[in-house]
């Protein structure tokens, strides 16, 4: 068996290589999608924490009789 015969797959090369390609795309999507989603969730949490810290600082300032700067 030579490389040409291997890549030709006995006349079924189109179906075999297409299935390999689709499988590779699905596997990569299953790896990349959760990583991207995790980054978005972490960014959302950081924004919420920052917003809460600003609100807390503003409420402390108002409690001390000062005005909140805008």
PDB file of N, CA and C in Angstrom:
ATOM      1  N   UNK A   1       0.847  -1.176   0.000  1.00  0.00           N
ATOM      2  CA  UNK A   1       0.000   0.000   0.000  1.00  0.00           C
ATOM      3  C   UNK A   1       0.892   1.238   0.000  1.00  0.00           C
ATOM      4  N   UNK A   2       0.615   2.161  -0.895  1.00  0.00           N
ATOM      5  CA  UNK A   2       1.356   3.416  -0.925  1.00  0.00           C
ATOM      6  C   UNK A   2       0.466   4.550  -0.396  1.00  0.00           C
ATOM      7  N   UNK A   3       1.053   5.741  -0.274  1.00  0.00           N
ATOM      8  CA  UNK A   3       0.319   6.870   0.298  1.00  0.00           C
ATOM      9  C   UNK A   3      -0.857   7.280  -0.575  1.00  0.00           C
ATOM     10  N   UNK A   4      -0.712   7.164  -1.871  1.00  0.00           N
ATOM     11  CA  UNK A   4      -1.804   7.529  -2.772  1.00  0.00           C
ATOM     12  C   UNK A   4      -3.029   6.660  -2.526  1.00  0.00           C
ATOM     13  N   UNK A   5      -2.816   5.365  -2.370  1.00  0.00           N
ATOM     14  CA  UNK A   5      -3.928   4.449  -2.087  1.00  0.00           C
ATOM     15  C   UNK A   5      -4.544   4.760  -0.722  1.00  0.00           C
ATOM     16  N   UNK A   6      -3.686   5.080   0.245  1.00  0.00           N
ATOM     17  CA  UNK A   6      -4.191   5.399   1.577  1.00  0.00           C
ATOM     18  C   UNK A   6      -5.113   6.619   1.528  1.00  0.00           C
ATOM     19  N   UNK A   7      -4.661   7.693   0.856  1.00  0.00           N
ATOM     20  CA  UNK A   7      -5.469   8.906   0.796  1.00  0.00           C
ATOM     21  C   UNK A   7      -6.689   8.754  -0.102  1.00  0.00           C
ATOM     22  N   UNK A   8      -6.658   7.840  -1.033  1.00  0.00           N
ATOM     23  CA  UNK A   8      -7.800   7.596  -1.911  1.00  0.00           C
ATOM     24  C   UNK A   8      -8.879   6.786  -1.193  1.00  0.00           C
ATOM     25  N   UNK A   9      -8.498   6.003  -0.211  1.00  0.00           N
ATOM     26  CA  UNK A   9      -9.407   5.218   0.644  1.00  0.00           C
ATOM     27  C   UNK A   9     -10.317   4.287  -0.153  1.00  0.00           C
ATOM     28  N   UNK A  10      -9.772   3.684  -1.160  1.00  0.00           N
ATOM     29  CA  UNK A  10     -10.541   2.701  -1.922  1.00  0.00           C
ATOM     30  C   UNK A  10     -11.748   3.284  -2.629  1.00  0.00           C
ATOM     31  N   UNK A  11     -11.689   4.558  -2.991  1.00  0.00           N
ATOM     32  CA  UNK A  11     -12.799   5.198  -3.698  1.00  0.00           C
ATOM     33  C   UNK A  11     -13.769   5.913  -2.768  1.00  0.00           C
ATOM     34  N   UNK A  12     -13.563   5.807  -1.474  1.00  0.00           N
ATOM     35  CA  UNK A  12     -14.463   6.440  -0.503  1.00  0.00           C
ATOM     36  C   UNK A  12     -13.815   7.657   0.173  1.00  0.00           C
ATOM     37  N   UNK A  13     -12.797   8.203  -0.452  1.00  0.00           N
ATOM     38  CA  UNK A  13     -12.026   9.287   0.168  1.00  0.00           C
ATOM     39  C   UNK A  13     -12.897  10.491   0.520  1.00  0.00           C
ATOM     40  N   UNK A  14     -13.794  10.885  -0.363  1.00  0.00           N
ATOM     41  CA  UNK A  14     -14.624  12.057  -0.102  1.00  0.00           C
ATOM     42  C   UNK A  14     -15.417  11.878   1.190  1.00  0.00           C
ATOM     43  N   UNK A  15     -16.056  10.719   1.350  1.00  0.00           N
ATOM     44  CA  UNK A  15     -16.884  10.483   2.523  1.00  0.00           C
ATOM     45  C   UNK A  15     -16.037  10.348   3.792  1.00  0.00           C
ATOM     46  N   UNK A  16     -14.907   9.676   3.679  1.00  0.00           N
ATOM     47  CA  UNK A  16     -14.039   9.464   4.834  1.00  0.00           C
ATOM     48  C   UNK A  16     -13.440  10.782   5.297  1.00  0.00           C
ATOM     49  N   UNK A  17     -12.851  11.545   4.369  1.00  0.00           N
ATOM     50  CA  UNK A  17     -12.195  12.786   4.768  1.00  0.00           C
ATOM     51  C   UNK A  17     -13.201  13.851   5.188  1.00  0.00           C
ATOM     52  N   UNK A  18     -14.388  13.834   4.593  1.00  0.00           N
ATOM     53  CA  UNK A  18     -15.434  14.751   5.033  1.00  0.00           C
ATOM     54  C   UNK A  18     -15.843  14.451   6.464  1.00  0.00           C
ATOM     55  N   UNK A  19     -15.997  13.174   6.792  1.00  0.00           N
ATOM     56  CA  UNK A  19     -16.373  12.821   8.162  1.00  0.00           C
ATOM     57  C   UNK A  19     -15.263  13.178   9.145  1.00  0.00           C
ATOM     58  N   UNK A  20     -14.013  12.996   8.753  1.00  0.00           N
ATOM     59  CA  UNK A  20     -12.895  13.423   9.614  1.00  0.00           C
ATOM     60  C   UNK A  20     -12.937  14.944   9.817  1.00  0.00           C
ATOM     61  N   UNK A  21     -13.182  15.683   8.761  1.00  0.00           N
ATOM     62  CA  UNK A  21     -13.237  17.142   8.854  1.00  0.00           C
ATOM     63  C   UNK A  21     -14.357  17.619   9.762  1.00  0.00           C
ATOM     64  N   UNK A  22     -15.546  17.048   9.595  1.00  0.00           N
ATOM     65  CA  UNK A  22     -16.684  17.424  10.441  1.00  0.00           C
ATOM     66  C   UNK A  22     -16.400  17.078  11.899  1.00  0.00           C
ATOM     67  N   UNK A  23     -15.805  15.910  12.129  1.00  0.00           N
ATOM     68  CA  UNK A  23     -15.468  15.506  13.492  1.00  0.00           C
ATOM     69  C   UNK A  23     -14.473  16.470  14.111  1.00  0.00           C
ATOM     70  N   UNK A  24     -13.472  16.874  13.351  1.00  0.00           N
ATOM     71  CA  UNK A  24     -12.478  17.822  13.850  1.00  0.00           C
ATOM     72  C   UNK A  24     -13.130  19.157  14.212  1.00  0.00           C
ATOM     73  N   UNK A  25     -14.032  19.638  13.376  1.00  0.00           N
ATOM     74  CA  UNK A  25     -14.727  20.897  13.649  1.00  0.00           C
ATOM     75  C   UNK A  25     -15.542  20.801  14.934  1.00  0.00           C
ATOM     76  N   UNK A  26     -16.255  19.696  15.126  1.00  0.00           N
ATOM     77  CA  UNK A  26     -17.073  19.514  16.332  1.00  0.00           C
ATOM     78  C   UNK A  26     -16.194  19.433  17.574  1.00  0.00           C
ATOM     79  N   UNK A  27     -15.099  18.710  17.496  1.00  0.00           N
ATOM     80  CA  UNK A  27     -14.193  18.594  18.644  1.00  0.00           C
ATOM     81  C   UNK A  27     -13.605  19.963  18.993  1.00  0.00           C
ATOM     82  N   UNK A  28     -13.158  20.707  17.998  1.00  0.00           N
ATOM     83  CA  UNK A  28     -12.617  22.044  18.259  1.00  0.00           C
ATOM     84  C   UNK A  28     -13.674  22.971  18.848  1.00  0.00           C
ATOM     85  N   UNK A  29     -14.904  22.891  18.346  1.00  0.00           N
ATOM     86  CA  UNK A  29     -15.985  23.719  18.886  1.00  0.00           C
ATOM     87  C   UNK A  29     -16.253  23.363  20.343  1.00  0.00           C
ATOM     88  N   UNK A  30     -16.172  22.073  20.684  1.00  0.00           N
ATOM     89  CA  UNK A  30     -16.394  21.642  22.063  1.00  0.00           C
ATOM     90  C   UNK A  30     -15.267  22.070  22.993  1.00  0.00           C
ATOM     91  N   UNK A  31     -14.128  22.401  22.445  1.00  0.00           N
ATOM     92  CA  UNK A  31     -13.017  22.894  23.264  1.00  0.00           C
ATOM     93  C   UNK A  31     -13.071  24.423  23.360  1.00  0.00           C
ATOM     94  N   UNK A  32     -13.312  25.097  22.241  1.00  0.00           N
ATOM     95  CA  UNK A  32     -13.237  26.552  22.185  1.00  0.00           C
ATOM     96  C   UNK A  32     -14.455  27.227  22.825  1.00  0.00           C
ATOM     97  N   UNK A  33     -15.645  26.716  22.598  1.00  0.00           N
ATOM     98  CA  UNK A  33     -16.863  27.368  23.100  1.00  0.00           C
ATOM     99  C   UNK A  33     -16.864  27.541  24.617  1.00  0.00           C
ATOM    100  N   UNK A  34     -16.544  26.513  25.412  1.00  0.00           N
ATOM    101  CA  UNK A  34     -16.543  26.720  26.864  1.00  0.00           C
ATOM    102  C   UNK A  34     -15.480  27.713  27.329  1.00  0.00           C
ATOM    103  N   UNK A  35     -14.344  27.749  26.658  1.00  0.00           N
ATOM    104  CA  UNK A  35     -13.289  28.696  27.028  1.00  0.00           C
ATOM    105  C   UNK A  35     -13.775  30.124  26.792  1.00  0.00           C
ATOM    106  N   UNK A  36     -14.400  30.370  25.657  1.00  0.00           N
ATOM    107  CA  UNK A  36     -14.914  31.698  25.350  1.00  0.00           C
ATOM    108  C   UNK A  36     -16.030  32.088  26.318  1.00  0.00           C
ATOM    109  N   UNK A  37     -16.908  31.140  26.627  1.00  0.00           N
ATOM    110  CA  UNK A  37     -18.005  31.409  27.552  1.00  0.00           C
ATOM    111  C   UNK A  37     -17.464  31.722  28.945  1.00  0.00           C
ATOM    112  N   UNK A  38     -16.434  31.022  29.366  1.00  0.00           N
ATOM    113  CA  UNK A  38     -15.820  31.263  30.672  1.00  0.00           C
ATOM    114  C   UNK A  38     -15.258  32.674  30.751  1.00  0.00           C
ATOM    115  N   UNK A  39     -14.588  33.120  29.689  1.00  0.00           N
ATOM    116  CA  UNK A  39     -14.030  34.470  29.665  1.00  0.00           C
ATOM    117  C   UNK A  39     -15.132  35.521  29.780  1.00  0.00           C
ATOM    118  N   UNK A  40     -16.256  35.310  29.078  1.00  0.00           N
ATOM    119  CA  UNK A  40     -17.369  36.253  29.148  1.00  0.00           C
ATOM    120  C   UNK A  40     -17.965  36.300  30.549  1.00  0.00           C
ATOM    121  N   UNK A  41     -18.095  35.145  31.188  1.00  0.00           N
ATOM    122  CA  UNK A  41     -18.664  35.088  32.534  1.00  0.00           C
ATOM    123  C   UNK A  41     -17.748  35.794  33.528  1.00  0.00           C
ATOM    124  N   UNK A  42     -16.452  35.555  33.425  1.00  0.00           N
ATOM    125  CA  UNK A  42     -15.495  36.209  34.326  1.00  0.00           C
ATOM    126  C   UNK A  42     -15.542  37.725  34.138  1.00  0.00           C
ATOM    127  N   UNK A  43     -15.615  38.190  32.901  1.00  0.00           N
ATOM    128  CA  UNK A  43     -15.688  39.631  32.643  1.00  0.00           C
ATOM    129  C   UNK A  43     -16.970  40.214  33.227  1.00  0.00           C
ATOM    130  N   UNK A  44     -18.078  39.502  33.093  1.00  0.00           N
ATOM    131  CA  UNK A  44     -19.357  39.969  33.637  1.00  0.00           C
ATOM    132  C   UNK A  44     -19.294  40.059  35.162  1.00  0.00           C
ATOM    133  N   UNK A  45     -18.679  39.080  35.806  1.00  0.00           N
ATOM    134  CA  UNK A  45     -18.549  39.085  37.264  1.00  0.00           C
ATOM    135  C   UNK A  45     -17.661  40.242  37.708  1.00  0.00           C
ATOM    136  N   UNK A  46     -16.562  40.482  36.992  1.00  0.00           N
ATOM    137  CA  UNK A  46     -15.677  41.595  37.344  1.00  0.00           C
ATOM    138  C   UNK A  46     -16.410  42.927  37.245  1.00  0.00           C
ATOM    139  N   UNK A  47     -17.226  43.093  36.189  1.00  0.00           N
ATOM    140  CA  UNK A  47     -17.992  44.332  36.051  1.00  0.00           C
ATOM    141  C   UNK A  47     -18.983  44.488  37.197  1.00  0.00           C
ATOM    142  N   UNK A  48     -19.638  43.399  37.599  1.00  0.00           N
ATOM    143  CA  UNK A  48     -20.606  43.458  38.691  1.00  0.00           C
ATOM    144  C   UNK A  48     -19.927  43.807  40.011  1.00  0.00           C
ATOM    145  N   UNK A  49     -18.761  43.229  40.262  1.00  0.00           N
ATOM    146  CA  UNK A  49     -18.020  43.524  41.491  1.00  0.00           C
ATOM    147  C   UNK A  49     -17.601  44.987  41.508  1.00  0.00           C
ATOM    148  N   UNK A  50     -17.103  45.484  40.391  1.00  0.00           N
ATOM    149  CA  UNK A  50     -16.679  46.881  40.311  1.00  0.00           C
ATOM    150  C   UNK A  50     -17.872  47.805  40.540  1.00  0.00           C
ATOM    151  N   UNK A  51     -19.003  47.477  39.930  1.00  0.00           N
ATOM    152  CA  UNK A  51     -20.212  48.290  40.100  1.00  0.00           C
ATOM    153  C   UNK A  51     -20.649  48.298  41.562  1.00  0.00           C
ATOM    154  N   UNK A  52     -20.595  47.152  42.227  1.00  0.00           N
ATOM    155  CA  UNK A  52     -20.971  47.068  43.641  1.00  0.00           C
ATOM    156  C   UNK A  52     -20.017  47.886  44.511  1.00  0.00           C
ATOM    157  N   UNK A  53     -18.728  47.859  44.186  1.00  0.00           N
ATOM    158  CA  UNK A  53     -17.754  48.642  44.951  1.00  0.00           C
ATOM    159  C   UNK A  53     -18.024  50.135  44.800  1.00  0.00           C
ATOM    160  N   UNK A  54     -18.357  50.580  43.611  1.00  0.00           N
ATOM    161  CA  UNK A  54     -18.671  51.994  43.376  1.00  0.00           C
ATOM    162  C   UNK A  54     -19.933  52.383  44.143  1.00  0.00           C
ATOM    163  N   UNK A  55     -20.955  51.525  44.076  1.00  0.00           N
ATOM    164  CA  UNK A  55     -22.197  51.812  44.798  1.00  0.00           C
ATOM    165  C   UNK A  55     -21.958  51.855  46.304  1.00  0.00           C
ATOM    166  N   UNK A  56     -21.121  50.961  46.820  1.00  0.00           N
ATOM    167  CA  UNK A  56     -20.811  50.944  48.243  1.00  0.00           C
ATOM    168  C   UNK A  56     -20.068  52.214  48.648  1.00  0.00           C
ATOM    169  N   UNK A  57     -19.110  52.629  47.833  1.00  0.00           N
ATOM    170  CA  UNK A  57     -18.367  53.855  48.123  1.00  0.00           C
ATOM    171  C   UNK A  57     -19.295  55.063  48.094  1.00  0.00           C
ATOM    172  N   UNK A  58     -20.201  55.091  47.138  1.00  0.00           N
ATOM    173  CA  UNK A  58     -21.152  56.203  47.050  1.00  0.00           C
ATOM    174  C   UNK A  58     -22.091  56.223  48.245  1.00  0.00           C
ATOM    175  N   UNK A  59     -22.547  55.075  48.681  1.00  0.00           N
ATOM    176  CA  UNK A  59     -23.462  55.031  49.825  1.00  0.00           C
ATOM    177  C   UNK A  59     -22.745  55.428  51.115  1.00  0.00           C
ATOM    178  N   UNK A  60     -21.476  55.081  51.260  1.00  0.00           N
ATOM    179  CA  UNK A  60     -20.699  55.499  52.437  1.00  0.00           C
ATOM    180  C   UNK A  60     -20.498  57.009  52.426  1.00  0.00           C
ATOM    181  N   UNK A  61     -20.240  57.549  51.241  1.00  0.00           N
ATOM    182  CA  UNK A  61     -20.029  58.977  51.115  1.00  0.00           C
ATOM    183  C   UNK A  61     -21.316  59.727  51.454  1.00  0.00           C
ATOM    184  N   UNK A  62     -22.434  59.224  51.007  1.00  0.00           N
ATOM    185  CA  UNK A  62     -23.718  59.861  51.297  1.00  0.00           C
ATOM    186  C   UNK A  62     -24.035  59.758  52.784  1.00  0.00           C
ATOM    187  N   UNK A  63     -23.671  58.662  53.426  1.00  0.00           N
ATOM    188  CA  UNK A  63     -23.928  58.480  54.855  1.00  0.00           C
ATOM    189  C   UNK A  63     -23.090  59.446  55.688  1.00  0.00           C
ATOM    190  N   UNK A  64     -21.925  59.841  55.171  1.00  0.00           N
ATOM    191  CA  UNK A  64     -21.059  60.776  55.879  1.00  0.00           C
ATOM    192  C   UNK A  64     -21.434  62.224  55.620  1.00  0.00           C
ATOM    193  N   UNK A  65     -22.515  62.449  54.917  1.00  0.00           N
ATOM    194  CA  UNK A  65     -22.976  63.813  54.675  1.00  0.00           C
ATOM    195  C   UNK A  65     -22.432  64.453  53.424  1.00  0.00           C
ATOM    196  N   UNK A  66     -21.605  63.764  52.703  1.00  0.00           N
ATOM    197  CA  UNK A  66     -21.054  64.302  51.465  1.00  0.00           C
ATOM    198  C   UNK A  66     -21.968  64.001  50.301  1.00  0.00           C
ATOM    199  N   UNK A  67     -21.682  64.644  49.224  1.00  0.00           N
ATOM    200  CA  UNK A  67     -22.462  64.380  48.015  1.00  0.00           C
ATOM    201  C   UNK A  67     -21.667  63.456  47.114  1.00  0.00           C
ATOM    202  N   UNK A  68     -22.377  62.581  46.429  1.00  0.00           N
ATOM    203  CA  UNK A  68     -21.715  61.678  45.479  1.00  0.00           C
ATOM    204  C   UNK A  68     -21.325  62.458  44.243  1.00  0.00           C
ATOM    205  N   UNK A  69     -20.077  62.303  43.817  1.00  0.00           N
ATOM    206  CA  UNK A  69     -19.622  62.987  42.611  1.00  0.00           C
ATOM    207  C   UNK A  69     -20.139  62.263  41.381  1.00  0.00           C
ATOM    208  N   UNK A  70     -20.416  63.045  40.393  1.00  0.00           N
ATOM    209  CA  UNK A  70     -20.908  62.419  39.165  1.00  0.00           C
ATOM    210  C   UNK A  70     -19.948  62.604  38.042  1.00  0.00           C
TER     211      UNK A  70
END
